[in-house]
């Protein structure tokens, strides 16, 4: 009788640990999916404006000069996660008309992600 109770106690401990392990794995998978979604959106935004003419057309002037500004985009829902995207155009480390720093920021529940890129007009 005692051996049976010890066996049941050990099996219940194993079962509880297994359930916790599955729960932690699911949580890590969910976080990873949200992070991958944010990375994909940020990369897509930077690729969309990978050329100087595309950046120039963003401010509507199409005059060869890219204006420093912040652009917000409508929220996207992917796999029941809402992502908010913005693109910041700022002066780069050389004269402002030659190099721009782009910052694509994607916010989601649980945090945000920023990806940086430099674009030149040489």
Protein backbone atom coordinates (compact mmCIF):
# COMPACT_ATOMS: atom_id res chain seq x y z
CA UNK A 1 0.00 0.00 0.00
CA UNK A 2 2.80 2.43 0.90
CA UNK A 3 4.63 1.71 -2.37
CA UNK A 4 1.49 2.49 -4.33
CA UNK A 5 1.07 5.86 -2.60
CA UNK A 6 4.72 6.75 -3.23
CA UNK A 7 4.31 5.77 -6.88
CA UNK A 8 1.19 7.91 -7.24
CA UNK A 9 2.94 10.86 -5.55
CA UNK A 10 5.92 10.57 -7.90
CA UNK A 11 3.67 10.30 -10.94
CA UNK A 12 1.69 13.39 -9.87
CA UNK A 13 4.93 15.38 -9.45
CA UNK A 14 6.02 14.27 -12.92
CA UNK A 15 2.62 15.20 -14.34
CA UNK A 16 2.68 18.70 -12.76
CA UNK A 17 6.21 19.34 -14.05
CA UNK A 18 5.22 18.19 -17.53
CA UNK A 19 2.22 20.54 -17.57
CA UNK A 20 4.42 23.46 -16.47
CA UNK A 21 6.95 22.64 -19.19
CA UNK A 22 4.24 22.58 -21.85
CA UNK A 23 2.85 25.89 -20.57
CA UNK A 24 6.29 27.56 -20.67
CA UNK A 25 6.89 26.22 -24.18
CA UNK A 26 3.57 27.61 -25.38
CA UNK A 27 4.34 31.00 -23.80
CA UNK A 28 7.77 31.14 -25.44
CA UNK A 29 6.25 30.17 -28.79
CA UNK A 30 3.64 32.94 -28.52
CA UNK A 31 6.28 35.57 -27.69
CA UNK A 32 8.43 34.36 -30.56
CA UNK A 33 5.54 34.60 -33.03
CA UNK A 34 4.80 38.18 -31.92
CA UNK A 35 8.46 39.14 -32.25
CA UNK A 36 8.74 37.56 -35.71
CA UNK A 37 5.60 39.42 -36.81
CA UNK A 38 7.05 42.73 -35.60
CA UNK A 39 10.40 42.06 -37.32
CA UNK A 40 8.65 41.18 -40.56
CA UNK A 41 6.56 44.37 -40.53
CA UNK A 42 9.57 46.58 -39.74
CA UNK A 43 11.64 44.96 -42.47
CA UNK A 44 8.79 45.30 -44.95
CA UNK A 45 8.46 49.00 -44.14
CA UNK A 46 12.20 49.60 -44.64
CA UNK A 47 12.18 47.66 -47.91
CA UNK A 48 9.23 49.72 -49.16
CA UNK A 49 11.30 52.89 -48.73
CA UNK A 50 14.66 51.42 -49.72
CA UNK A 51 15.21 53.88 -52.56
CA UNK A 52 15.68 57.64 -52.36
CA UNK A 53 12.82 58.38 -54.82
CA UNK A 54 10.42 56.37 -52.64
CA UNK A 55 11.48 58.40 -49.59
CA UNK A 56 11.20 61.61 -51.58
CA UNK A 57 7.65 60.76 -52.66
CA UNK A 58 6.66 60.09 -49.05
CA UNK A 59 6.41 63.80 -48.21
CA UNK A 60 4.49 64.48 -51.43
CA UNK A 61 6.97 67.03 -52.86
CA UNK A 62 9.06 64.76 -55.14
CA UNK A 63 11.75 67.42 -55.35
CA UNK A 64 14.80 65.31 -54.50
CA UNK A 65 14.85 66.47 -50.87
CA UNK A 66 13.72 64.08 -48.18
CA UNK A 67 12.05 65.85 -45.26
CA UNK A 68 12.74 64.75 -41.68
CA UNK A 69 9.42 63.61 -40.28
CA UNK A 70 7.53 60.86 -38.46
CA UNK A 71 4.95 58.88 -40.40
CA UNK A 72 2.37 56.66 -38.68
CA UNK A 73 0.60 53.84 -40.43
CA UNK A 74 -2.76 52.18 -39.73
CA UNK A 75 -2.70 49.31 -37.27
CA UNK A 76 -2.33 45.80 -38.65
CA UNK A 77 -3.85 42.68 -37.09
CA UNK A 78 -1.91 39.48 -37.69
CA UNK A 79 -2.80 36.26 -35.85
CA UNK A 80 -5.01 38.22 -33.41
CA UNK A 81 -2.11 40.56 -32.50
CA UNK A 82 -2.43 44.29 -33.22
CA UNK A 83 0.72 45.97 -34.50
CA UNK A 84 1.17 49.75 -34.78
CA UNK A 85 3.88 50.93 -37.17
CA UNK A 86 5.72 54.21 -37.56
CA UNK A 87 8.62 55.41 -39.69
CA UNK A 88 10.95 58.15 -38.48
CA UNK A 89 13.17 59.92 -40.99
CA UNK A 90 16.03 61.84 -39.36
CA UNK A 91 19.28 63.44 -40.46
CA UNK A 92 22.16 61.00 -40.80
CA UNK A 93 25.75 61.50 -39.60
CA UNK A 94 26.69 63.60 -42.69
CA UNK A 95 24.99 66.69 -44.17
CA UNK A 96 21.21 66.18 -43.95
CA UNK A 97 20.53 66.18 -47.68
CA UNK A 98 22.94 63.33 -48.42
CA UNK A 99 22.17 60.67 -45.82
CA UNK A 100 19.05 59.87 -43.80
CA UNK A 101 18.53 57.52 -40.89
CA UNK A 102 15.29 55.55 -41.05
CA UNK A 103 13.81 54.08 -37.90
CA UNK A 104 10.95 51.62 -38.34
CA UNK A 105 9.19 51.07 -35.01
CA UNK A 106 6.55 48.39 -34.54
CA UNK A 107 4.59 48.37 -31.27
CA UNK A 108 2.54 45.44 -30.03
CA UNK A 109 1.17 44.13 -26.80
CA UNK A 110 4.17 43.26 -24.68
CA UNK A 111 6.65 45.71 -26.18
CA UNK A 112 8.00 47.33 -29.28
CA UNK A 113 10.78 46.78 -31.78
CA UNK A 114 12.87 49.35 -33.68
CA UNK A 115 14.93 48.61 -36.79
CA UNK A 116 17.37 51.18 -38.18
CA UNK A 117 18.69 51.77 -41.68
CA UNK A 118 20.67 54.44 -43.50
CA UNK A 119 19.65 55.67 -46.96
CA UNK A 120 21.86 57.81 -49.16
CA UNK A 121 21.36 60.12 -52.11
CA UNK A 122 24.79 59.79 -53.76
